[in-house]
Amino acid sequence: MTSTHDPNTPAAERPVALRANDILRFLLEIFAIVSLGIWGFIAWPLPWNIVVGIGAPALAILLWALFRSPKAVLHVDPFVKAIVELVVMGSAAFAWWSLGQPIVALVFAVVATVSGVINGRREFA
């Protein structure tokens, strides 16, 4: 039986295995960023809604890009990655809760937690 994986092939040329959880995590990230924007524009009075509506998603994107993305700028311990993910996803769940949508908040929190646990187990394997 021959293997199609050549150990001499550079990492940049190897095919990337995309799993269903990876797609779900991407959709959760997009949902979290959009949720923070909606929360910022709806939950705050006029001068602050623009600042928070743009600032909250921008901060979430910055945190994710620096620490959590697959091509993160700063390479940190998996526990720090988990904390950043908890902050971003937890903020989005809190945003829905504060908007008076506890069902959306709870469903999002449960799905994000399960997806995060699955991904964390894969990272530590």
C-alpha atoms as a PDB file:
ATOM      1  CA  MET A   1       0.000   0.000   0.000  1.00  0.00           C
ATOM      2  CA  THR A   2       1.500   3.351  -0.986  1.00  0.00           C
ATOM      3  CA  SER A   3       0.987   6.557   0.901  1.00  0.00           C
ATOM      4  CA  THR A   4       0.269   9.811  -0.897  1.00  0.00           C
ATOM      5  CA  HIS A   5       1.949  11.802   1.888  1.00  0.00           C
ATOM      6  CA  ASP A   6       5.562  12.644   1.107  1.00  0.00           C
ATOM      7  CA  PRO A   7       7.496  13.787   4.196  1.00  0.00           C
ATOM      8  CA  ASN A   8       9.774  15.877   1.978  1.00  0.00           C
ATOM      9  CA  THR A   9       6.879  18.029   0.724  1.00  0.00           C
ATOM     10  CA  PRO A  10       6.924  21.526   2.279  1.00  0.00           C
ATOM     11  CA  ALA A  11       4.043  22.341   4.626  1.00  0.00           C
ATOM     12  CA  ALA A  12       2.818  25.129   2.330  1.00  0.00           C
ATOM     13  CA  GLU A  13       2.212  22.639  -0.492  1.00  0.00           C
ATOM     14  CA  ARG A  14       0.411  19.968   1.551  1.00  0.00           C
ATOM     15  CA  PRO A  15      -3.372  19.800   1.233  1.00  0.00           C
ATOM     16  CA  VAL A  16      -5.247  21.185   4.218  1.00  0.00           C
ATOM     17  CA  ALA A  17      -7.765  18.888   5.872  1.00  0.00           C
ATOM     18  CA  LEU A  18     -10.918  20.942   6.366  1.00  0.00           C
ATOM     19  CA  ARG A  19     -13.329  19.379   8.837  1.00  0.00           C
ATOM     20  CA  ALA A  20     -16.978  20.151   9.547  1.00  0.00           C
ATOM     21  CA  ASN A  21     -16.047  21.646  12.915  1.00  0.00           C
ATOM     22  CA  ASP A  22     -13.667  24.071  11.170  1.00  0.00           C
ATOM     23  CA  ILE A  23     -16.529  25.383   9.049  1.00  0.00           C
ATOM     24  CA  LEU A  24     -18.782  25.599  12.106  1.00  0.00           C
ATOM     25  CA  ARG A  25     -16.101  27.517  14.020  1.00  0.00           C
ATOM     26  CA  PHE A  26     -15.724  29.978  11.150  1.00  0.00           C
ATOM     27  CA  LEU A  27     -19.483  30.565  11.086  1.00  0.00           C
ATOM     28  CA  LEU A  28     -19.519  31.001  14.875  1.00  0.00           C
ATOM     29  CA  GLU A  29     -16.727  33.565  14.618  1.00  0.00           C
ATOM     30  CA  ILE A  30     -18.589  35.537  11.946  1.00  0.00           C
ATOM     31  CA  PHE A  31     -21.795  35.331  13.993  1.00  0.00           C
ATOM     32  CA  ALA A  32     -19.955  36.588  17.098  1.00  0.00           C
ATOM     33  CA  ILE A  33     -18.494  39.570  15.245  1.00  0.00           C
ATOM     34  CA  VAL A  34     -21.837  40.498  13.674  1.00  0.00           C
ATOM     35  CA  SER A  35     -23.544  40.039  17.062  1.00  0.00           C
ATOM     36  CA  LEU A  36     -21.141  42.448  18.737  1.00  0.00           C
ATOM     37  CA  GLY A  37     -21.798  45.005  16.009  1.00  0.00           C
ATOM     38  CA  ILE A  38     -25.566  44.664  16.343  1.00  0.00           C
ATOM     39  CA  TRP A  39     -25.290  44.960  20.106  1.00  0.00           C
ATOM     40  CA  GLY A  40     -23.130  48.056  19.854  1.00  0.00           C
ATOM     41  CA  PHE A  41     -25.492  49.855  17.504  1.00  0.00           C
ATOM     42  CA  ILE A  42     -28.727  48.878  19.306  1.00  0.00           C
ATOM     43  CA  ALA A  43     -27.865  48.858  23.003  1.00  0.00           C
ATOM     44  CA  TRP A  44     -26.132  52.234  23.302  1.00  0.00           C
ATOM     45  CA  PRO A  45     -27.424  55.825  22.907  1.00  0.00           C
ATOM     46  CA  LEU A  46     -26.524  57.850  19.836  1.00  0.00           C
ATOM     47  CA  PRO A  47     -22.991  59.138  20.307  1.00  0.00           C
ATOM     48  CA  TRP A  48     -21.797  55.873  21.837  1.00  0.00           C
ATOM     49  CA  ASN A  49     -23.582  53.474  19.509  1.00  0.00           C
ATOM     50  CA  ILE A  50     -21.244  54.370  16.658  1.00  0.00           C
ATOM     51  CA  VAL A  51     -18.147  53.953  18.825  1.00  0.00           C
ATOM     52  CA  VAL A  52     -19.241  50.665  20.399  1.00  0.00           C
ATOM     53  CA  GLY A  53     -20.902  49.382  17.206  1.00  0.00           C
ATOM     54  CA  ILE A  54     -17.617  49.684  15.339  1.00  0.00           C
ATOM     55  CA  GLY A  55     -15.218  49.221  18.268  1.00  0.00           C
ATOM     56  CA  ALA A  56     -16.560  45.979  19.749  1.00  0.00           C
ATOM     57  CA  PRO A  57     -16.330  43.968  16.515  1.00  0.00           C
ATOM     58  CA  ALA A  58     -12.973  45.570  15.707  1.00  0.00           C
ATOM     59  CA  LEU A  59     -11.601  44.539  19.102  1.00  0.00           C
ATOM     60  CA  ALA A  60     -12.932  40.993  18.648  1.00  0.00           C
ATOM     61  CA  ILE A  61     -11.331  40.775  15.183  1.00  0.00           C
ATOM     62  CA  LEU A  62      -8.045  42.112  16.570  1.00  0.00           C
ATOM     63  CA  LEU A  63      -7.980  39.606  19.433  1.00  0.00           C
ATOM     64  CA  TRP A  64      -8.841  36.737  17.101  1.00  0.00           C
ATOM     65  CA  ALA A  65      -6.225  37.735  14.525  1.00  0.00           C
ATOM     66  CA  LEU A  66      -3.491  38.192  17.116  1.00  0.00           C
ATOM     67  CA  PHE A  67      -4.037  35.043  19.157  1.00  0.00           C
ATOM     68  CA  ARG A  68      -6.632  32.600  17.814  1.00  0.00           C
ATOM     69  CA  SER A  69      -6.625  32.455  14.021  1.00  0.00           C
ATOM     70  CA  PRO A  70      -4.862  29.603  12.220  1.00  0.00           C
ATOM     71  CA  LYS A  71      -2.220  32.100  11.052  1.00  0.00           C
ATOM     72  CA  ALA A  72      -2.076  34.058  14.315  1.00  0.00           C
ATOM     73  CA  VAL A  73       0.468  36.845  14.643  1.00  0.00           C
ATOM     74  CA  LEU A  74       1.422  35.855  18.188  1.00  0.00           C
ATOM     75  CA  HIS A  75       1.987  32.180  18.880  1.00  0.00           C
ATOM     76  CA  VAL A  76       0.811  31.500  22.420  1.00  0.00           C
ATOM     77  CA  ASP A  77      -0.014  28.569  24.653  1.00  0.00           C
ATOM     78  CA  PRO A  78      -3.284  26.735  23.850  1.00  0.00           C
ATOM     79  CA  PHE A  79      -4.685  27.895  27.197  1.00  0.00           C
ATOM     80  CA  VAL A  80      -4.273  31.543  26.160  1.00  0.00           C
ATOM     81  CA  LYS A  81      -5.997  30.709  22.876  1.00  0.00           C
ATOM     82  CA  ALA A  82      -8.873  29.189  24.837  1.00  0.00           C
ATOM     83  CA  ILE A  83      -9.165  32.279  27.041  1.00  0.00           C
ATOM     84  CA  VAL A  84      -9.287  34.565  23.996  1.00  0.00           C
ATOM     85  CA  GLU A  85     -11.946  32.362  22.437  1.00  0.00           C
ATOM     86  CA  LEU A  86     -13.971  32.399  25.663  1.00  0.00           C
ATOM     87  CA  VAL A  87     -13.774  36.192  25.810  1.00  0.00           C
ATOM     88  CA  VAL A  88     -14.921  36.693  22.216  1.00  0.00           C
ATOM     89  CA  MET A  89     -17.651  34.052  22.196  1.00  0.00           C
ATOM     90  CA  GLY A  90     -18.772  34.896  25.731  1.00  0.00           C
ATOM     91  CA  SER A  91     -19.045  38.574  24.802  1.00  0.00           C
ATOM     92  CA  ALA A  92     -21.255  37.705  21.870  1.00  0.00           C
ATOM     93  CA  ALA A  93     -23.489  35.529  24.062  1.00  0.00           C
ATOM     94  CA  PHE A  94     -23.684  38.313  26.650  1.00  0.00           C
ATOM     95  CA  ALA A  95     -24.576  40.776  23.890  1.00  0.00           C
ATOM     96  CA  TRP A  96     -27.598  38.704  22.870  1.00  0.00           C
ATOM     97  CA  TRP A  97     -28.588  38.261  26.522  1.00  0.00           C
ATOM     98  CA  SER A  98     -28.445  42.020  27.135  1.00  0.00           C
ATOM     99  CA  LEU A  99     -30.553  42.609  24.020  1.00  0.00           C
ATOM    100  CA  GLY A 100     -33.320  40.514  25.593  1.00  0.00           C
ATOM    101  CA  GLN A 101     -32.688  37.392  23.512  1.00  0.00           C
ATOM    102  CA  PRO A 102     -31.725  34.726  26.068  1.00  0.00           C
ATOM    103  CA  ILE A 103     -32.582  31.801  23.783  1.00  0.00           C
ATOM    104  CA  VAL A 104     -30.207  33.042  21.080  1.00  0.00           C
ATOM    105  CA  ALA A 105     -27.569  33.650  23.757  1.00  0.00           C
ATOM    106  CA  LEU A 106     -27.898  30.180  25.265  1.00  0.00           C
ATOM    107  CA  VAL A 107     -27.985  28.331  21.939  1.00  0.00           C
ATOM    108  CA  PHE A 108     -24.967  30.259  20.703  1.00  0.00           C
ATOM    109  CA  ALA A 109     -23.084  29.669  23.975  1.00  0.00           C
ATOM    110  CA  VAL A 110     -23.782  25.920  23.941  1.00  0.00           C
ATOM    111  CA  VAL A 111     -22.848  25.458  20.267  1.00  0.00           C
ATOM    112  CA  ALA A 112     -19.683  27.569  20.667  1.00  0.00           C
ATOM    113  CA  THR A 113     -18.687  25.661  23.799  1.00  0.00           C
ATOM    114  CA  VAL A 114     -19.151  22.241  22.213  1.00  0.00           C
ATOM    115  CA  SER A 115     -17.265  23.323  19.102  1.00  0.00           C
ATOM    116  CA  GLY A 116     -14.479  24.794  21.235  1.00  0.00           C
ATOM    117  CA  VAL A 117     -14.147  21.617  23.289  1.00  0.00           C
ATOM    118  CA  ILE A 118     -13.942  19.496  20.133  1.00  0.00           C
ATOM    119  CA  ASN A 119     -11.302  21.811  18.693  1.00  0.00           C
ATOM    120  CA  GLY A 120      -9.379  21.919  21.968  1.00  0.00           C
ATOM    121  CA  ARG A 121      -9.248  18.149  22.159  1.00  0.00           C
ATOM    122  CA  ARG A 122      -7.861  18.101  18.633  1.00  0.00           C
ATOM    123  CA  GLU A 123      -5.220  20.723  19.507  1.00  0.00           C
ATOM    124  CA  PHE A 124      -4.064  18.796  22.550  1.00  0.00           C
ATOM    125  CA  ALA A 125      -3.994  15.429  20.777  1.00  0.00           C
END
